[in-house]
């Protein structure tokens, strides 16, 4: 396998995970009504603003992860695995609770360091 083949395979893996991300988003939208999505969006937006204070280059690093072969694949794959484990351990929780937990946990970690 040449380096070109490895790079192409890595980018295809990143594209695959990008579509898996979109699939998760569509499933969340289908399972919630518009009013609860608005409330959850407002709550997450306030957490995201605080998160951006501690991690100002988060958006750029996320975009960079999709341009590097396999990086987005492993990053999103780990996040999906983490979300699955969170949802299986916390019965009755949904994706909103996982996102809230991750933002809160990352903010607390940044405050403590």
N, C-alpha and C. Protein backbone atom coordinates (compact mmCIF):
# COMPACT_ATOMS: atom_id res chain seq x y z
N UNK A 1 0.85 -1.18 0.00
CA UNK A 1 0.00 0.00 0.00
C UNK A 1 0.89 1.24 0.00
N UNK A 2 0.60 2.14 -0.89
CA UNK A 2 1.41 3.35 -0.97
C UNK A 2 0.89 4.39 0.02
N UNK A 3 1.68 5.44 0.20
CA UNK A 3 1.27 6.53 1.09
C UNK A 3 0.00 7.21 0.58
N UNK A 4 -0.12 7.31 -0.72
CA UNK A 4 -1.33 7.92 -1.29
C UNK A 4 -2.57 7.10 -0.93
N UNK A 5 -2.45 5.78 -1.04
CA UNK A 5 -3.58 4.91 -0.68
C UNK A 5 -3.95 5.05 0.78
N UNK A 6 -2.95 5.16 1.64
CA UNK A 6 -3.21 5.32 3.07
C UNK A 6 -3.90 6.64 3.35
N UNK A 7 -3.43 7.73 2.69
CA UNK A 7 -4.07 9.03 2.88
C UNK A 7 -5.51 9.01 2.38
N UNK A 8 -5.73 8.42 1.23
CA UNK A 8 -7.09 8.36 0.69
C UNK A 8 -8.00 7.53 1.60
N UNK A 9 -7.49 6.42 2.08
CA UNK A 9 -8.26 5.59 3.01
C UNK A 9 -8.58 6.37 4.30
N UNK A 10 -7.61 7.14 4.79
CA UNK A 10 -7.83 7.95 5.99
C UNK A 10 -8.88 9.03 5.79
N UNK A 11 -8.83 9.69 4.64
CA UNK A 11 -9.84 10.72 4.38
C UNK A 11 -11.22 10.11 4.17
N UNK A 12 -11.27 8.95 3.54
CA UNK A 12 -12.56 8.27 3.40
C UNK A 12 -13.12 7.87 4.76
N UNK A 13 -12.24 7.45 5.67
CA UNK A 13 -12.69 7.14 7.03
C UNK A 13 -13.23 8.39 7.72
N UNK A 14 -12.56 9.53 7.52
CA UNK A 14 -13.04 10.79 8.10
C UNK A 14 -14.40 11.17 7.52
N UNK A 15 -14.56 11.02 6.22
CA UNK A 15 -15.84 11.34 5.58
C UNK A 15 -16.94 10.41 6.11
N UNK A 16 -16.61 9.14 6.28
CA UNK A 16 -17.57 8.19 6.84
C UNK A 16 -18.04 8.64 8.22
N UNK A 17 -17.11 9.05 9.07
CA UNK A 17 -17.48 9.49 10.42
C UNK A 17 -18.25 10.81 10.38
N UNK A 18 -17.96 11.67 9.41
CA UNK A 18 -18.73 12.90 9.25
C UNK A 18 -20.20 12.55 8.99
N UNK A 19 -20.44 11.56 8.13
CA UNK A 19 -21.81 11.16 7.85
C UNK A 19 -22.45 10.44 9.04
N UNK A 20 -21.67 9.73 9.82
CA UNK A 20 -22.20 9.11 11.05
C UNK A 20 -22.64 10.22 12.01
N UNK A 21 -21.84 11.29 12.09
CA UNK A 21 -22.22 12.45 12.91
C UNK A 21 -23.55 13.03 12.46
N UNK A 22 -23.71 13.19 11.16
CA UNK A 22 -24.96 13.73 10.62
C UNK A 22 -26.12 12.79 10.93
N UNK A 23 -25.88 11.48 10.85
CA UNK A 23 -26.91 10.50 11.18
C UNK A 23 -27.35 10.63 12.63
N UNK A 24 -26.41 10.82 13.54
CA UNK A 24 -26.75 11.01 14.96
C UNK A 24 -27.59 12.27 15.13
N UNK A 25 -27.23 13.34 14.42
CA UNK A 25 -27.99 14.59 14.51
C UNK A 25 -29.42 14.38 14.02
N UNK A 26 -29.58 13.69 12.91
CA UNK A 26 -30.92 13.44 12.38
C UNK A 26 -31.74 12.60 13.35
N UNK A 27 -31.12 11.61 13.98
CA UNK A 27 -31.84 10.78 14.94
C UNK A 27 -32.29 11.60 16.15
N UNK A 28 -31.44 12.51 16.61
CA UNK A 28 -31.81 13.36 17.75
C UNK A 28 -32.97 14.27 17.37
N UNK A 29 -32.93 14.84 16.18
CA UNK A 29 -34.00 15.73 15.74
C UNK A 29 -35.31 14.97 15.60
N UNK A 30 -35.25 13.74 15.08
CA UNK A 30 -36.47 12.96 14.93
C UNK A 30 -37.08 12.55 16.26
N UNK A 31 -36.25 12.35 17.29
CA UNK A 31 -36.75 11.85 18.57
C UNK A 31 -37.21 12.95 19.52
N UNK A 32 -37.04 14.21 19.16
CA UNK A 32 -37.44 15.32 20.03
C UNK A 32 -38.38 16.26 19.30
N UNK A 33 -39.20 16.94 20.06
CA UNK A 33 -40.05 17.96 19.46
C UNK A 33 -39.30 19.28 19.38
N UNK A 34 -39.82 20.21 18.61
CA UNK A 34 -39.10 21.46 18.35
C UNK A 34 -38.93 22.31 19.61
N UNK A 35 -39.89 22.27 20.50
CA UNK A 35 -39.81 23.09 21.73
C UNK A 35 -38.68 22.61 22.64
N UNK A 36 -38.59 21.30 22.83
CA UNK A 36 -37.51 20.79 23.68
C UNK A 36 -36.15 20.99 23.02
N UNK A 37 -36.10 20.91 21.68
CA UNK A 37 -34.83 21.18 20.99
C UNK A 37 -34.39 22.63 21.18
N UNK A 38 -35.34 23.56 21.18
CA UNK A 38 -35.01 24.97 21.40
C UNK A 38 -34.47 25.19 22.81
N UNK A 39 -35.13 24.59 23.79
CA UNK A 39 -34.67 24.72 25.19
C UNK A 39 -33.29 24.11 25.37
N UNK A 40 -33.08 22.94 24.81
CA UNK A 40 -31.78 22.29 24.92
C UNK A 40 -30.70 23.08 24.20
N UNK A 41 -31.05 23.64 23.07
CA UNK A 41 -30.10 24.45 22.30
C UNK A 41 -29.66 25.69 23.07
N UNK A 42 -30.60 26.33 23.76
CA UNK A 42 -30.25 27.51 24.55
C UNK A 42 -29.35 27.14 25.73
N UNK A 43 -29.63 26.02 26.37
CA UNK A 43 -28.81 25.58 27.49
C UNK A 43 -27.40 25.21 27.03
N UNK A 44 -27.31 24.52 25.92
CA UNK A 44 -26.00 24.13 25.39
C UNK A 44 -25.23 25.34 24.88
N UNK A 45 -25.95 26.32 24.33
CA UNK A 45 -25.29 27.53 23.83
C UNK A 45 -24.58 28.28 24.95
N UNK A 46 -25.20 28.37 26.12
CA UNK A 46 -24.54 29.05 27.23
C UNK A 46 -23.32 28.28 27.70
N UNK A 47 -23.41 26.95 27.73
CA UNK A 47 -22.25 26.13 28.08
C UNK A 47 -21.15 26.26 27.03
N UNK A 48 -21.54 26.34 25.77
CA UNK A 48 -20.56 26.45 24.70
C UNK A 48 -19.81 27.77 24.76
N UNK A 49 -20.50 28.85 25.12
CA UNK A 49 -19.82 30.15 25.26
C UNK A 49 -18.77 30.09 26.35
N UNK A 50 -19.10 29.45 27.47
CA UNK A 50 -18.13 29.32 28.54
C UNK A 50 -16.99 28.39 28.12
N UNK A 51 -17.32 27.33 27.38
CA UNK A 51 -16.31 26.41 26.89
C UNK A 51 -15.34 27.12 25.94
N UNK A 52 -15.87 28.01 25.09
CA UNK A 52 -15.02 28.75 24.14
C UNK A 52 -14.05 29.69 24.84
N UNK A 53 -14.37 30.12 26.06
CA UNK A 53 -13.43 30.96 26.81
C UNK A 53 -12.17 30.18 27.15
N UNK A 54 -12.34 28.92 27.52
CA UNK A 54 -11.20 28.10 27.94
C UNK A 54 -10.50 27.41 26.77
N UNK A 55 -11.23 27.14 25.71
CA UNK A 55 -10.68 26.48 24.52
C UNK A 55 -11.02 27.31 23.28
N UNK A 56 -10.33 28.44 23.07
CA UNK A 56 -10.71 29.33 21.98
C UNK A 56 -10.46 28.77 20.57
N UNK A 57 -9.57 27.80 20.43
CA UNK A 57 -9.24 27.27 19.11
C UNK A 57 -9.90 25.91 18.84
N UNK A 58 -10.95 25.63 19.56
CA UNK A 58 -11.63 24.34 19.44
C UNK A 58 -12.18 24.11 18.03
N UNK A 59 -12.79 25.12 17.43
CA UNK A 59 -13.37 24.98 16.09
C UNK A 59 -12.29 24.70 15.05
N UNK A 60 -11.18 25.41 15.14
CA UNK A 60 -10.11 25.22 14.18
C UNK A 60 -9.49 23.82 14.32
N UNK A 61 -9.35 23.35 15.55
CA UNK A 61 -8.78 22.02 15.77
C UNK A 61 -9.72 20.92 15.27
N UNK A 62 -11.01 21.14 15.39
CA UNK A 62 -11.97 20.17 14.88
C UNK A 62 -11.90 20.10 13.35
N UNK A 63 -11.83 21.26 12.70
CA UNK A 63 -11.70 21.26 11.24
C UNK A 63 -10.39 20.61 10.81
N UNK A 64 -9.33 20.89 11.52
CA UNK A 64 -8.03 20.30 11.20
C UNK A 64 -8.08 18.78 11.35
N UNK A 65 -8.82 18.30 12.33
CA UNK A 65 -8.93 16.85 12.55
C UNK A 65 -9.56 16.16 11.34
N UNK A 66 -10.49 16.83 10.65
CA UNK A 66 -11.10 16.21 9.48
C UNK A 66 -10.19 16.26 8.26
N UNK A 67 -9.20 17.16 8.24
CA UNK A 67 -8.28 17.23 7.10
C UNK A 67 -7.10 16.28 7.25
N UNK A 68 -6.78 15.87 8.46
CA UNK A 68 -5.70 14.91 8.67
C UNK A 68 -6.26 13.49 8.56
N UNK A 69 -5.63 12.63 7.79
CA UNK A 69 -6.16 11.27 7.61
C UNK A 69 -6.30 10.53 8.94
N UNK A 70 -7.41 9.88 9.11
CA UNK A 70 -7.77 9.04 10.25
C UNK A 70 -8.04 9.81 11.55
N UNK A 71 -7.65 11.06 11.66
CA UNK A 71 -7.80 11.79 12.92
C UNK A 71 -9.27 11.99 13.26
N UNK A 72 -10.05 12.47 12.30
CA UNK A 72 -11.48 12.64 12.54
C UNK A 72 -12.17 11.32 12.81
N UNK A 73 -11.74 10.27 12.12
CA UNK A 73 -12.32 8.95 12.32
C UNK A 73 -12.14 8.48 13.75
N UNK A 74 -10.91 8.58 14.27
CA UNK A 74 -10.66 8.12 15.64
C UNK A 74 -11.29 9.06 16.67
N UNK A 75 -11.27 10.34 16.38
CA UNK A 75 -11.85 11.31 17.32
C UNK A 75 -13.36 11.10 17.46
N UNK A 76 -14.04 11.04 16.33
CA UNK A 76 -15.49 10.86 16.36
C UNK A 76 -15.85 9.45 16.83
N UNK A 77 -15.07 8.47 16.42
CA UNK A 77 -15.32 7.11 16.86
C UNK A 77 -15.22 6.98 18.37
N UNK A 78 -14.20 7.61 18.95
CA UNK A 78 -14.07 7.58 20.40
C UNK A 78 -15.23 8.31 21.07
N UNK A 79 -15.64 9.44 20.50
CA UNK A 79 -16.75 10.21 21.08
C UNK A 79 -18.05 9.43 21.02
N UNK A 80 -18.28 8.72 19.93
CA UNK A 80 -19.49 7.91 19.81
C UNK A 80 -19.44 6.74 20.80
N UNK A 81 -18.28 6.11 20.94
CA UNK A 81 -18.13 5.05 21.93
C UNK A 81 -18.38 5.59 23.34
N UNK A 82 -17.81 6.77 23.62
CA UNK A 82 -18.01 7.40 24.93
C UNK A 82 -19.48 7.71 25.17
N UNK A 83 -20.17 8.19 24.13
CA UNK A 83 -21.59 8.50 24.25
C UNK A 83 -22.39 7.22 24.48
N UNK A 84 -22.06 6.16 23.77
CA UNK A 84 -22.75 4.89 23.96
C UNK A 84 -22.58 4.38 25.39
N UNK A 85 -21.36 4.46 25.92
CA UNK A 85 -21.11 4.01 27.28
C UNK A 85 -21.87 4.87 28.30
N UNK A 86 -21.91 6.19 28.07
CA UNK A 86 -22.64 7.11 28.96
C UNK A 86 -24.13 6.77 28.94
N UNK A 87 -24.68 6.57 27.76
CA UNK A 87 -26.11 6.31 27.65
C UNK A 87 -26.48 4.94 28.21
N UNK A 88 -25.59 3.96 28.08
CA UNK A 88 -25.89 2.65 28.64
C UNK A 88 -25.76 2.64 30.16
N UNK A 89 -24.89 3.46 30.70
CA UNK A 89 -24.72 3.51 32.15
C UNK A 89 -25.82 4.35 32.81
N UNK A 90 -26.23 5.41 32.18
CA UNK A 90 -27.23 6.33 32.73
C UNK A 90 -28.57 6.08 32.02
N UNK A 91 -29.36 5.22 32.58
CA UNK A 91 -30.66 4.90 31.97
C UNK A 91 -31.56 6.13 32.00
N UNK A 92 -32.26 6.34 30.91
CA UNK A 92 -33.15 7.49 30.80
C UNK A 92 -32.45 8.74 30.29
N UNK A 93 -31.14 8.69 30.10
CA UNK A 93 -30.41 9.84 29.58
C UNK A 93 -30.51 9.84 28.05
N UNK A 94 -30.29 11.01 27.47
CA UNK A 94 -30.28 11.11 26.02
C UNK A 94 -29.02 11.87 25.58
N UNK A 95 -28.92 12.16 24.31
CA UNK A 95 -27.72 12.80 23.76
C UNK A 95 -27.52 14.19 24.38
N UNK A 96 -28.61 14.89 24.66
CA UNK A 96 -28.49 16.20 25.31
C UNK A 96 -27.77 16.08 26.65
N UNK A 97 -28.12 15.09 27.43
CA UNK A 97 -27.47 14.91 28.73
C UNK A 97 -25.98 14.60 28.57
N UNK A 98 -25.63 13.84 27.53
CA UNK A 98 -24.22 13.55 27.27
C UNK A 98 -23.46 14.82 26.89
N UNK A 99 -24.04 15.63 26.01
CA UNK A 99 -23.37 16.87 25.60
C UNK A 99 -23.21 17.81 26.79
N UNK A 100 -24.25 17.92 27.59
CA UNK A 100 -24.18 18.75 28.79
C UNK A 100 -23.09 18.25 29.74
N UNK A 101 -23.01 16.94 29.91
CA UNK A 101 -21.98 16.34 30.77
C UNK A 101 -20.59 16.64 30.22
N UNK A 102 -20.39 16.48 28.91
CA UNK A 102 -19.07 16.69 28.33
C UNK A 102 -18.63 18.15 28.47
N UNK A 103 -19.52 19.08 28.14
CA UNK A 103 -19.17 20.50 28.28
C UNK A 103 -18.85 20.84 29.74
N UNK A 104 -19.70 20.41 30.65
CA UNK A 104 -19.49 20.70 32.06
C UNK A 104 -18.20 20.09 32.55
N UNK A 105 -17.94 18.86 32.17
CA UNK A 105 -16.72 18.18 32.59
C UNK A 105 -15.47 18.88 32.03
N UNK A 106 -15.50 19.26 30.75
CA UNK A 106 -14.34 19.94 30.15
C UNK A 106 -14.12 21.33 30.76
N UNK A 107 -15.19 22.02 31.08
CA UNK A 107 -15.08 23.35 31.70
C UNK A 107 -14.47 23.21 33.09
N UNK A 108 -14.94 22.24 33.87
CA UNK A 108 -14.38 22.03 35.20
C UNK A 108 -12.92 21.63 35.14
N UNK A 109 -12.56 20.81 34.16
CA UNK A 109 -11.15 20.41 34.00
C UNK A 109 -10.28 21.63 33.68
N UNK A 110 -10.79 22.52 32.84
CA UNK A 110 -10.03 23.73 32.50
C UNK A 110 -9.91 24.68 33.70
N UNK A 111 -10.97 24.77 34.48
CA UNK A 111 -10.92 25.64 35.67
C UNK A 111 -9.95 25.10 36.70
N UNK A 112 -9.85 23.79 36.83
CA UNK A 112 -8.97 23.19 37.84
C UNK A 112 -7.51 23.18 37.45
N UNK A 113 -7.22 23.38 36.17
CA UNK A 113 -5.81 23.35 35.75
C UNK A 113 -5.20 24.72 35.62
